């Protein structure tokens, strides 16, 4: 098991929001780190992936927090929310896609070498 210590996704990590006292760059840095951690998890071989998921509690905490707090396409845009730039939008979509890939991989009994 790798010592990754996966980040928890919080509502303040939504790059569209601009609450007082939170720096946009800090939120972007957190999303970039989350993206890298998800990439690391998805690049693991089958046995290493399952060991990480089973023995590292931070994996499930991260997945659960993202499902609870990630913005959805049908969510109303908060008043005063900033428009996302192309880079931020691409990053948010990439993290969302990787989260889906992790959940998909968790749901598979077998996997092909070319899937992940």
Foldseek 3Di string as FASTA:
>chain_A
DDPLQADADDLVLQLQADDPPDDSVVSVVNLVSNLVSLVVLVPDDPVVNVCCVVPPPSVVNRLVRCVVRPDDPPDDRDPPGHDDDPVSVVSSVSSVVSSVVSVVVVPDPDDDPPSD
